Amino acid sequence: MNAARDQHIDPVPLDDLADSGEPDDGVAPVDPQPSLDDLSPESSGRIVRYIVTSTLEHGVAPNAVVALYADLAGDDLAVRYADRRFMLREVPPDWRDVENRVVDLEETARDRGLDLAAAWRRATGVAMHGQDALEQLARLAGVPRVSSRPRSIFDDPDDLDELEDADLDSLVERLVDREPDLFDLAVEAQQRIRRFAIEERLEHGLPPVELLDLYRGFDIGGDQRAQQYLDRVYVEREPPADWIDIQSEAGRLMDMAEARGRDAGRLYADLLRTSPALEPMTAMRLLMERLLRQA
């Protein structure tokens, strides 16, 4: 009996299998998993925006995932990419890269006294979803725009200068489809306007010549967008939410200083005089910390 059973389990020679002519029942090859670069710009942008929000908020509600899948409906490749994260519980390398970039920007913004998550929540209410989410976030954090094309030692320096000039030009042109917010401006313009807004509040108003000088500086530099932003405050009399937030923070500093018998405007001016490289919001937060220690 054992001999008969052994006869039935004798392995078939591999050569016989290869020449048998029987169809191969092996597993079909698996297509490589898609990356963000493989997706359409629309789908990739939606996913990156989700990653940015999820990272800043340290997670999102389940209905946000449902909404993402609804946005990706009809794009099989994008759905496959999302499935890796939500069904297979994998974190694609480029997904992790976006998360790391967001964390870096958040730390940079925190050093400057900015709550990037709160700024992002406000910005997404008005930002156009066709814009690059990481670029928007970098502008909110006050980080200069970085070209998406990596530099090479073989690049012509003149070509690189032209690329940088084009990037700057795109941030100073007047917006025609909507009114600009602070994060839509060049980094230098953002800092100048933040400082002006803070000082105007701390000094209970500034002489008109100060505003004219601010406008004139932007005019000389060809920054039409910064002038357009100021027009929202001083011409249309409808200050943007980010302007109101800045002046509200300055108001908090005033209250803290007055409660201790100090003049917030003088404190702020003295700090910037001794540390001119400090960014406006950072200087204000630093003063708040000093005043808190004096309580």
C-alpha atoms as a PDB file:
ATOM      1  CA  MET A   1       0.000   0.000   0.000  1.00  0.00           C
ATOM      2  CA  ASN A   2       2.824   2.357   0.886  1.00  0.00           C
ATOM      3  CA  ALA A   3       4.477   1.546  -2.381  1.00  0.00           C
ATOM      4  CA  ALA A   4       1.318   2.461  -4.241  1.00  0.00           C
ATOM      5  CA  ARG A   5       0.970   5.737  -2.323  1.00  0.00           C
ATOM      6  CA  ASP A   6       4.624   6.581  -2.981  1.00  0.00           C
ATOM      7  CA  GLN A   7       4.023   5.965  -6.633  1.00  0.00           C
ATOM      8  CA  HIS A   8       1.194   8.522  -6.661  1.00  0.00           C
ATOM      9  CA  ILE A   9       3.247  11.277  -5.027  1.00  0.00           C
ATOM     10  CA  ASP A  10       6.315  10.930  -7.211  1.00  0.00           C
ATOM     11  CA  PRO A  11       7.139  14.416  -8.466  1.00  0.00           C
ATOM     12  CA  VAL A  12       6.672  15.050 -12.142  1.00  0.00           C
ATOM     13  CA  PRO A  13       9.918  16.044 -13.856  1.00  0.00           C
ATOM     14  CA  LEU A  14      10.115  19.772 -14.572  1.00  0.00           C
ATOM     15  CA  ASP A  15      10.903  19.123 -18.202  1.00  0.00           C
ATOM     16  CA  ASP A  16       7.655  17.183 -18.555  1.00  0.00           C
ATOM     17  CA  LEU A  17       5.720  20.122 -17.074  1.00  0.00           C
ATOM     18  CA  ALA A  18       7.377  22.557 -19.432  1.00  0.00           C
ATOM     19  CA  ASP A  19       6.570  20.405 -22.456  1.00  0.00           C
ATOM     20  CA  SER A  20       3.108  19.327 -21.392  1.00  0.00           C
ATOM     21  CA  GLY A  21       1.336  22.044 -23.362  1.00  0.00           C
ATOM     22  CA  GLU A  22      -1.017  22.626 -20.435  1.00  0.00           C
ATOM     23  CA  PRO A  23      -1.964  26.269 -19.737  1.00  0.00           C
ATOM     24  CA  ASP A  24       0.064  27.948 -17.012  1.00  0.00           C
ATOM     25  CA  ASP A  25      -2.082  28.604 -13.953  1.00  0.00           C
ATOM     26  CA  GLY A  26       0.576  30.775 -12.263  1.00  0.00           C
ATOM     27  CA  VAL A  27      -0.205  34.184 -10.786  1.00  0.00           C
ATOM     28  CA  ALA A  28      -0.282  36.971 -13.362  1.00  0.00           C
ATOM     29  CA  PRO A  29       2.421  39.642 -12.986  1.00  0.00           C
ATOM     30  CA  VAL A  30       1.420  42.542 -10.747  1.00  0.00           C
ATOM     31  CA  ASP A  31       1.574  46.043 -12.180  1.00  0.00           C
ATOM     32  CA  PRO A  32       3.877  48.443 -10.295  1.00  0.00           C
ATOM     33  CA  GLN A  33       2.141  50.619  -7.739  1.00  0.00           C
ATOM     34  CA  PRO A  34       1.451  54.179  -8.951  1.00  0.00           C
ATOM     35  CA  SER A  35       3.157  57.190  -7.444  1.00  0.00           C
ATOM     36  CA  LEU A  36       1.953  60.779  -7.233  1.00  0.00           C
ATOM     37  CA  ASP A  37       3.969  61.601 -10.356  1.00  0.00           C
ATOM     38  CA  ASP A  38       1.979  58.989 -12.286  1.00  0.00           C
ATOM     39  CA  LEU A  39      -1.351  60.670 -11.519  1.00  0.00           C
ATOM     40  CA  SER A  40      -3.091  63.487 -13.314  1.00  0.00           C
ATOM     41  CA  PRO A  41      -2.324  66.967 -11.918  1.00  0.00           C
ATOM     42  CA  GLU A  42      -5.902  67.255 -10.632  1.00  0.00           C
ATOM     43  CA  SER A  43      -5.853  63.959  -8.738  1.00  0.00           C
ATOM     44  CA  SER A  44      -2.316  64.461  -7.456  1.00  0.00           C
ATOM     45  CA  GLY A  45      -3.271  67.945  -6.239  1.00  0.00           C
ATOM     46  CA  ARG A  46      -6.312  66.634  -4.373  1.00  0.00           C
ATOM     47  CA  ILE A  47      -4.263  63.954  -2.647  1.00  0.00           C
ATOM     48  CA  VAL A  48      -1.457  66.354  -1.711  1.00  0.00           C
ATOM     49  CA  ARG A  49      -4.010  68.794  -0.304  1.00  0.00           C
ATOM     50  CA  TYR A  50      -5.471  65.962   1.800  1.00  0.00           C
ATOM     51  CA  ILE A  51      -1.984  65.030   3.063  1.00  0.00           C
ATOM     52  CA  VAL A  52      -1.215  68.636   3.977  1.00  0.00           C
ATOM     53  CA  THR A  53      -4.463  69.052   5.914  1.00  0.00           C
ATOM     54  CA  SER A  54      -4.169  65.680   7.626  1.00  0.00           C
ATOM     55  CA  THR A  55      -0.584  66.364   8.710  1.00  0.00           C
ATOM     56  CA  LEU A  56      -1.321  69.841  10.042  1.00  0.00           C
ATOM     57  CA  GLU A  57      -4.435  68.683  11.883  1.00  0.00           C
ATOM     58  CA  HIS A  58      -2.793  65.449  13.102  1.00  0.00           C
ATOM     59  CA  GLY A  59      -5.531  63.439  11.428  1.00  0.00           C
ATOM     60  CA  VAL A  60      -8.908  64.182   9.878  1.00  0.00           C
ATOM     61  CA  ALA A  61     -12.453  62.901  10.240  1.00  0.00           C
ATOM     62  CA  PRO A  62     -13.389  59.695   8.359  1.00  0.00           C
ATOM     63  CA  ASN A  63     -15.747  61.629   6.108  1.00  0.00           C
ATOM     64  CA  ALA A  64     -12.695  63.457   4.724  1.00  0.00           C
ATOM     65  CA  VAL A  65     -11.458  60.143   3.333  1.00  0.00           C
ATOM     66  CA  VAL A  66     -14.876  59.495   1.829  1.00  0.00           C
ATOM     67  CA  ALA A  67     -14.798  62.955   0.253  1.00  0.00           C
ATOM     68  CA  LEU A  68     -11.333  62.281  -1.162  1.00  0.00           C
ATOM     69  CA  TYR A  69     -12.480  59.048  -2.803  1.00  0.00           C
ATOM     70  CA  ALA A  70     -15.484  60.899  -4.225  1.00  0.00           C
ATOM     71  CA  ASP A  71     -13.130  63.475  -5.743  1.00  0.00           C
ATOM     72  CA  LEU A  72     -10.977  60.701  -7.238  1.00  0.00           C
ATOM     73  CA  ALA A  73     -13.940  58.794  -8.702  1.00  0.00           C
ATOM     74  CA  GLY A  74     -13.321  57.861 -12.319  1.00  0.00           C
ATOM     75  CA  ASP A  75      -9.536  57.999 -12.002  1.00  0.00           C
ATOM     76  CA  ASP A  76      -8.615  54.360 -11.483  1.00  0.00           C
ATOM     77  CA  LEU A  77      -4.920  55.072 -11.074  1.00  0.00           C
ATOM     78  CA  ALA A  78      -5.559  57.655  -8.355  1.00  0.00           C
ATOM     79  CA  VAL A  79      -7.960  55.295  -6.576  1.00  0.00           C
ATOM     80  CA  ARG A  80      -5.287  52.575  -6.632  1.00  0.00           C
ATOM     81  CA  TYR A  81      -2.849  55.027  -5.066  1.00  0.00           C
ATOM     82  CA  ALA A  82      -5.342  55.959  -2.344  1.00  0.00           C
ATOM     83  CA  ASP A  83      -6.062  52.271  -1.724  1.00  0.00           C
ATOM     84  CA  ARG A  84      -2.414  51.726  -0.818  1.00  0.00           C
ATOM     85  CA  ARG A  85      -2.811  54.169   2.057  1.00  0.00           C
ATOM     86  CA  PHE A  86      -6.327  53.452   3.245  1.00  0.00           C
ATOM     87  CA  MET A  87      -6.959  49.822   2.281  1.00  0.00           C
ATOM     88  CA  LEU A  88      -3.517  48.215   2.363  1.00  0.00           C
ATOM     89  CA  ARG A  89      -2.365  50.484   5.223  1.00  0.00           C
ATOM     90  CA  GLU A  90       0.868  51.285   3.404  1.00  0.00           C
ATOM     91  CA  VAL A  91       2.494  54.711   3.347  1.00  0.00           C
ATOM     92  CA  PRO A  92       3.902  55.352  -0.142  1.00  0.00           C
ATOM     93  CA  PRO A  93       7.354  56.959  -0.087  1.00  0.00           C
ATOM     94  CA  ASP A  94       6.169  60.127  -1.828  1.00  0.00           C
ATOM     95  CA  TRP A  95       3.254  60.395   0.606  1.00  0.00           C
ATOM     96  CA  ARG A  96       5.784  60.359   3.441  1.00  0.00           C
ATOM     97  CA  ASP A  97       7.890  62.947   1.605  1.00  0.00           C
ATOM     98  CA  VAL A  98       4.929  65.342   1.527  1.00  0.00           C
ATOM     99  CA  GLU A  99       4.274  64.771   5.240  1.00  0.00           C
ATOM    100  CA  ASN A 100       7.918  65.500   6.055  1.00  0.00           C
ATOM    101  CA  ARG A 101       7.832  68.682   3.997  1.00  0.00           C
ATOM    102  CA  VAL A 102       4.720  69.847   5.852  1.00  0.00           C
ATOM    103  CA  VAL A 103       6.345  69.133   9.230  1.00  0.00           C
ATOM    104  CA  ASP A 104       9.423  71.136   8.201  1.00  0.00           C
ATOM    105  CA  LEU A 105       7.290  74.082   7.112  1.00  0.00           C
ATOM    106  CA  GLU A 106       5.282  73.906  10.333  1.00  0.00           C
ATOM    107  CA  GLU A 107       8.461  74.085  12.411  1.00  0.00           C
ATOM    108  CA  THR A 108       9.709  77.037  10.364  1.00  0.00           C
ATOM    109  CA  ALA A 109       6.404  78.846  10.832  1.00  0.00           C
ATOM    110  CA  ARG A 110       6.414  78.104  14.579  1.00  0.00           C
ATOM    111  CA  ASP A 111       9.861  79.666  14.881  1.00  0.00           C
ATOM    112  CA  ARG A 112       8.382  82.767  13.294  1.00  0.00           C
ATOM    113  CA  GLY A 113       5.489  82.851  15.722  1.00  0.00           C
ATOM    114  CA  LEU A 114       2.920  81.597  13.202  1.00  0.00           C
ATOM    115  CA  ASP A 115       0.312  78.895  13.778  1.00  0.00           C
ATOM    116  CA  LEU A 116       0.520  77.289  10.329  1.00  0.00           C
ATOM    117  CA  ALA A 117      -2.437  74.957  10.876  1.00  0.00           C
ATOM    118  CA  ALA A 118      -4.707  77.889  11.725  1.00  0.00           C
ATOM    119  CA  ALA A 119      -3.364  79.900   8.787  1.00  0.00           C
ATOM    120  CA  TRP A 120      -4.000  76.944   6.468  1.00  0.00           C
ATOM    121  CA  ARG A 121      -7.579  76.576   7.669  1.00  0.00           C
ATOM    122  CA  ARG A 122      -8.227  80.226   6.898  1.00  0.00           C
ATOM    123  CA  ALA A 123      -6.435  80.085   3.571  1.00  0.00           C
ATOM    124  CA  THR A 124      -8.264  77.020   2.266  1.00  0.00           C
ATOM    125  CA  GLY A 125     -11.518  78.935   2.552  1.00  0.00           C
ATOM    126  CA  VAL A 126     -10.365  81.301  -0.164  1.00  0.00           C
ATOM    127  CA  ALA A 127      -7.533  79.486  -1.948  1.00  0.00           C
ATOM    128  CA  MET A 128      -8.107  78.188  -5.445  1.00  0.00           C
ATOM    129  CA  HIS A 129      -7.792  74.428  -5.519  1.00  0.00           C
ATOM    130  CA  GLY A 130      -5.943  74.555  -8.818  1.00  0.00           C
ATOM    131  CA  GLN A 131      -2.923  75.979  -7.036  1.00  0.00           C
ATOM    132  CA  ASP A 132      -0.125  73.810  -5.699  1.00  0.00           C
ATOM    133  CA  ALA A 133      -0.870  73.030  -2.056  1.00  0.00           C
ATOM    134  CA  LEU A 134       2.754  72.832  -0.931  1.00  0.00           C
ATOM    135  CA  GLU A 135       3.534  76.105  -2.666  1.00  0.00           C
ATOM    136  CA  GLN A 136       0.611  77.767  -0.889  1.00  0.00           C
ATOM    137  CA  LEU A 137       1.767  76.328   2.423  1.00  0.00           C
ATOM    138  CA  ALA A 138       5.335  77.537   1.868  1.00  0.00           C
ATOM    139  CA  ARG A 139       4.089  81.060   1.228  1.00  0.00           C
ATOM    140  CA  LEU A 140       1.960  80.915   4.366  1.00  0.00           C
ATOM    141  CA  ALA A 141       5.018  79.806   6.337  1.00  0.00           C
ATOM    142  CA  GLY A 142       7.038  82.667   4.858  1.00  0.00           C
ATOM    143  CA  VAL A 143       9.437  80.368   3.026  1.00  0.00           C
ATOM    144  CA  PRO A 144      10.711  81.571  -0.349  1.00  0.00           C
ATOM    145  CA  ARG A 145       9.340  79.653  -3.287  1.00  0.00           C
ATOM    146  CA  VAL A 146      11.617  76.866  -4.494  1.00  0.00           C
ATOM    147  CA  SER A 147      11.560  75.845  -8.133  1.00  0.00           C
ATOM    148  CA  SER A 148      10.179  72.345  -8.661  1.00  0.00           C
ATOM    149  CA  ARG A 149      13.020  71.594 -11.067  1.00  0.00           C
ATOM    150  CA  PRO A 150      16.196  70.558  -9.228  1.00  0.00           C
ATOM    151  CA  ARG A 151      19.337  72.460 -10.055  1.00  0.00           C
ATOM    152  CA  SER A 152      22.242  70.774 -11.770  1.00  0.00           C
ATOM    153  CA  ILE A 153      25.902  71.700 -12.037  1.00  0.00           C
ATOM    154  CA  PHE A 154      25.379  71.523 -15.786  1.00  0.00           C
ATOM    155  CA  ASP A 155      22.652  74.181 -15.759  1.00  0.00           C
ATOM    156  CA  ASP A 156      23.397  77.498 -17.412  1.00  0.00           C
ATOM    157  CA  PRO A 157      23.414  80.137 -14.619  1.00  0.00           C
ATOM    158  CA  ASP A 158      21.686  82.587 -16.942  1.00  0.00           C
ATOM    159  CA  ASP A 159      18.858  80.095 -17.460  1.00  0.00           C
ATOM    160  CA  LEU A 160      18.502  79.628 -13.702  1.00  0.00           C
ATOM    161  CA  ASP A 161      18.347  83.390 -13.195  1.00  0.00           C
ATOM    162  CA  GLU A 162      15.566  83.583 -15.776  1.00  0.00           C
ATOM    163  CA  LEU A 163      13.636  80.861 -13.952  1.00  0.00           C
ATOM    164  CA  GLU A 164      13.976  82.702 -10.629  1.00  0.00           C
ATOM    165  CA  ASP A 165      12.887  85.971 -12.222  1.00  0.00           C
ATOM    166  CA  ALA A 166       9.819  84.237 -13.670  1.00  0.00           C
ATOM    167  CA  ASP A 167       8.967  82.840 -10.233  1.00  0.00           C
ATOM    168  CA  LEU A 168       9.195  86.310  -8.671  1.00  0.00           C
ATOM    169  CA  ASP A 169       7.163  87.867 -11.464  1.00  0.00           C
ATOM    170  CA  SER A 170       4.352  85.413 -10.829  1.00  0.00           C
ATOM    171  CA  LEU A 171       4.066  86.700  -7.223  1.00  0.00           C
ATOM    172  CA  VAL A 172       3.942  90.407  -8.001  1.00  0.00           C
ATOM    173  CA  GLU A 173       1.400  90.406 -10.820  1.00  0.00           C
ATOM    174  CA  ARG A 174      -2.085  91.639 -10.021  1.00  0.00           C
ATOM    175  CA  LEU A 175      -4.628  88.867  -9.395  1.00  0.00           C
ATOM    176  CA  VAL A 176      -7.592  89.125 -11.739  1.00  0.00           C
ATOM    177  CA  ASP A 177      -9.779  86.228 -10.623  1.00  0.00           C
ATOM    178  CA  ARG A 178      -9.947  87.069  -6.908  1.00  0.00           C
ATOM    179  CA  GLU A 179      -8.585  89.398  -4.265  1.00  0.00           C
ATOM    180  CA  PRO A 180      -5.153  88.481  -2.865  1.00  0.00           C
ATOM    181  CA  ASP A 181      -4.540  87.302   0.657  1.00  0.00           C
ATOM    182  CA  LEU A 182      -1.258  87.746   2.453  1.00  0.00           C
ATOM    183  CA  PHE A 183       0.055  84.314   1.503  1.00  0.00           C
ATOM    184  CA  ASP A 184      -0.393  85.193  -2.188  1.00  0.00           C
ATOM    185  CA  LEU A 185       2.360  87.808  -1.945  1.00  0.00           C
ATOM    186  CA  ALA A 186       6.117  87.533  -2.220  1.00  0.00           C
ATOM    187  CA  VAL A 187       7.816  86.763   1.097  1.00  0.00           C
ATOM    188  CA  GLU A 188       9.429  90.201   1.405  1.00  0.00           C
ATOM    189  CA  ALA A 189       6.087  91.904   0.764  1.00  0.00           C
ATOM    190  CA  GLN A 190       4.438  89.717   3.406  1.00  0.00           C
ATOM    191  CA  GLN A 191       6.997  90.745   6.014  1.00  0.00           C
ATOM    192  CA  ARG A 192       6.756  94.465   5.210  1.00  0.00           C
ATOM    193  CA  ILE A 193       2.985  94.398   5.442  1.00  0.00           C
ATOM    194  CA  ARG A 194       3.002  92.367   8.663  1.00  0.00           C
ATOM    195  CA  ARG A 195       5.351  94.884  10.265  1.00  0.00           C
ATOM    196  CA  PHE A 196       3.220  97.810   9.117  1.00  0.00           C
ATOM    197  CA  ALA A 197       0.017  96.192  10.416  1.00  0.00           C
ATOM    198  CA  ILE A 198       1.608  95.484  13.799  1.00  0.00           C
ATOM    199  CA  GLU A 199       3.099  98.934  14.203  1.00  0.00           C
ATOM    200  CA  GLU A 200      -0.140 100.619  13.141  1.00  0.00           C
ATOM    201  CA  ARG A 201      -1.958  98.807  15.928  1.00  0.00           C
ATOM    202  CA  LEU A 202       0.716  99.242  18.582  1.00  0.00           C
ATOM    203  CA  GLU A 203       1.111 102.965  17.837  1.00  0.00           C
ATOM    204  CA  HIS A 204      -2.643 103.586  17.712  1.00  0.00           C
ATOM    205  CA  GLY A 205      -2.283 104.533  14.049  1.00  0.00           C
ATOM    206  CA  LEU A 206       0.624 105.743  11.900  1.00  0.00           C
ATOM    207  CA  PRO A 207       1.148 109.034  10.032  1.00  0.00           C
ATOM    208  CA  PRO A 208      -0.278 108.935   6.473  1.00  0.00           C
ATOM    209  CA  VAL A 209       3.226 109.393   5.076  1.00  0.00           C
ATOM    210  CA  GLU A 210       4.127 105.927   6.416  1.00  0.00           C
ATOM    211  CA  LEU A 211       1.381 104.343   4.326  1.00  0.00           C
ATOM    212  CA  LEU A 212       2.381 106.389   1.286  1.00  0.00           C
ATOM    213  CA  ASP A 213       5.985 105.200   1.707  1.00  0.00           C
ATOM    214  CA  LEU A 214       4.772 101.589   1.864  1.00  0.00           C
ATOM    215  CA  TYR A 215       2.750 102.010  -1.319  1.00  0.00           C
ATOM    216  CA  ARG A 216       5.633 103.833  -3.008  1.00  0.00           C
ATOM    217  CA  GLY A 217       8.074 101.041  -2.188  1.00  0.00           C
ATOM    218  CA  PHE A 218       5.822  98.453  -3.773  1.00  0.00           C
ATOM    219  CA  ASP A 219       5.238 100.708  -6.764  1.00  0.00           C
ATOM    220  CA  ILE A 220       8.965 101.160  -7.359  1.00  0.00           C
ATOM    221  CA  GLY A 221       9.476  97.425  -7.085  1.00  0.00           C
ATOM    222  CA  GLY A 222       6.643  96.740  -9.530  1.00  0.00           C
ATOM    223  CA  ASP A 223       4.709  94.735  -6.944  1.00  0.00           C
ATOM    224  CA  GLN A 224       1.137  95.279  -8.108  1.00  0.00           C
ATOM    225  CA  ARG A 225      -0.199  92.426  -6.008  1.00  0.00           C
ATOM    226  CA  ALA A 226       1.037  93.912  -2.728  1.00  0.00           C
ATOM    227  CA  GLN A 227      -0.618  97.212  -3.666  1.00  0.00           C
ATOM    228  CA  GLN A 228      -3.797  95.323  -4.506  1.00  0.00           C
ATOM    229  CA  TYR A 229      -3.692  93.747  -1.037  1.00  0.00           C
ATOM    230  CA  LEU A 230      -3.279  97.128   0.653  1.00  0.00           C
ATOM    231  CA  ASP A 231      -6.199  98.456  -1.371  1.00  0.00           C
ATOM    232  CA  ARG A 232      -8.412  95.919   0.359  1.00  0.00           C
ATOM    233  CA  VAL A 233      -7.574  97.568   3.687  1.00  0.00           C
ATOM    234  CA  TYR A 234      -7.315 101.245   2.838  1.00  0.00           C
ATOM    235  CA  VAL A 235      -9.407 101.718  -0.303  1.00  0.00           C
ATOM    236  CA  GLU A 236     -12.175  99.141  -0.121  1.00  0.00           C
ATOM    237  CA  ARG A 237     -12.208  99.261   3.689  1.00  0.00           C
ATOM    238  CA  GLU A 238     -12.655  95.483   3.836  1.00  0.00           C
ATOM    239  CA  PRO A 239      -9.537  94.147   5.615  1.00  0.00           C
ATOM    240  CA  PRO A 240      -8.711  90.499   4.861  1.00  0.00           C
ATOM    241  CA  ALA A 241      -8.950  87.962   7.661  1.00  0.00           C
ATOM    242  CA  ASP A 242      -5.164  87.603   7.887  1.00  0.00           C
ATOM    243  CA  TRP A 243      -4.781  91.378   8.397  1.00  0.00           C
ATOM    244  CA  ILE A 244      -7.385  91.294  11.153  1.00  0.00           C
ATOM    245  CA  ASP A 245      -5.607  88.345  12.790  1.00  0.00           C
ATOM    246  CA  ILE A 246      -2.281  90.191  12.813  1.00  0.00           C
ATOM    247  CA  GLN A 247      -3.766  93.277  14.385  1.00  0.00           C
ATOM    248  CA  SER A 248      -5.678  91.160  16.907  1.00  0.00           C
ATOM    249  CA  GLU A 249      -2.384  89.602  18.023  1.00  0.00           C
ATOM    250  CA  ALA A 250      -0.905  93.085  18.288  1.00  0.00           C
ATOM    251  CA  GLY A 251      -3.893  94.054  20.426  1.00  0.00           C
ATOM    252  CA  ARG A 252      -3.142  91.171  22.774  1.00  0.00           C
ATOM    253  CA  LEU A 253       0.432  92.417  23.120  1.00  0.00           C
ATOM    254  CA  MET A 254      -0.858  95.895  23.923  1.00  0.00           C
ATOM    255  CA  ASP A 255      -3.142  94.553  26.644  1.00  0.00           C
ATOM    256  CA  MET A 256      -0.330  92.498  28.188  1.00  0.00           C
ATOM    257  CA  ALA A 257       2.041  95.462  28.152  1.00  0.00           C
ATOM    258  CA  GLU A 258      -0.489  97.916  29.582  1.00  0.00           C
ATOM    259  CA  ALA A 259      -1.317  95.500  32.411  1.00  0.00           C
ATOM    260  CA  ARG A 260       2.346  95.728  33.423  1.00  0.00           C
ATOM    261  CA  GLY A 261       2.664  99.457  32.940  1.00  0.00           C
ATOM    262  CA  ARG A 262       4.653  99.162  29.739  1.00  0.00           C
ATOM    263  CA  ASP A 263       4.235 100.689  26.267  1.00  0.00           C
ATOM    264  CA  ALA A 264       3.950  97.937  23.658  1.00  0.00           C
ATOM    265  CA  GLY A 265       4.845 100.230  20.758  1.00  0.00           C
ATOM    266  CA  ARG A 266       8.084 101.298  22.401  1.00  0.00           C
ATOM    267  CA  LEU A 267       8.958  97.733  23.379  1.00  0.00           C
ATOM    268  CA  TYR A 268       8.409  96.561  19.825  1.00  0.00           C
ATOM    269  CA  ALA A 269      10.429  99.399  18.284  1.00  0.00           C
ATOM    270  CA  ASP A 270      13.315  98.876  20.735  1.00  0.00           C
ATOM    271  CA  LEU A 271      13.424  95.135  20.007  1.00  0.00           C
ATOM    272  CA  LEU A 272      13.557  95.639  16.235  1.00  0.00           C
ATOM    273  CA  ARG A 273      16.156  98.364  16.658  1.00  0.00           C
ATOM    274  CA  THR A 274      18.472  96.007  18.549  1.00  0.00           C
ATOM    275  CA  SER A 275      17.573  92.913  16.472  1.00  0.00           C
ATOM    276  CA  PRO A 276      16.654  94.182  12.984  1.00  0.00           C
ATOM    277  CA  ALA A 277      16.808  90.684  11.472  1.00  0.00           C
ATOM    278  CA  LEU A 278      13.850  89.515  13.556  1.00  0.00           C
ATOM    279  CA  GLU A 279      10.712  88.872  11.580  1.00  0.00           C
ATOM    280  CA  PRO A 280       7.693  90.966  12.652  1.00  0.00           C
ATOM    281  CA  MET A 281       5.561  88.137  14.044  1.00  0.00           C
ATOM    282  CA  THR A 282       8.524  86.535  15.775  1.00  0.00           C
ATOM    283  CA  ALA A 283       9.361  89.821  17.468  1.00  0.00           C
ATOM    284  CA  MET A 284       5.803  90.202  18.713  1.00  0.00           C
ATOM    285  CA  ARG A 285       5.662  86.665  20.107  1.00  0.00           C
ATOM    286  CA  LEU A 286       9.032  87.122  21.776  1.00  0.00           C
ATOM    287  CA  LEU A 287       7.751  90.221  23.562  1.00  0.00           C
ATOM    288  CA  MET A 288       4.675  88.309  24.703  1.00  0.00           C
ATOM    289  CA  GLU A 289       6.878  85.609  26.224  1.00  0.00           C
ATOM    290  CA  ARG A 290       8.971  88.209  28.043  1.00  0.00           C
ATOM    291  CA  LEU A 291       5.900  89.934  29.418  1.00  0.00           C
ATOM    292  CA  LEU A 292       4.451  86.631  30.594  1.00  0.00           C
ATOM    293  CA  ARG A 293       7.636  85.959  32.574  1.00  0.00           C
ATOM    294  CA  GLN A 294       7.205  89.324  34.273  1.00  0.00           C
ATOM    295  CA  ALA A 295       3.716  88.451  35.538  1.00  0.00           C
END
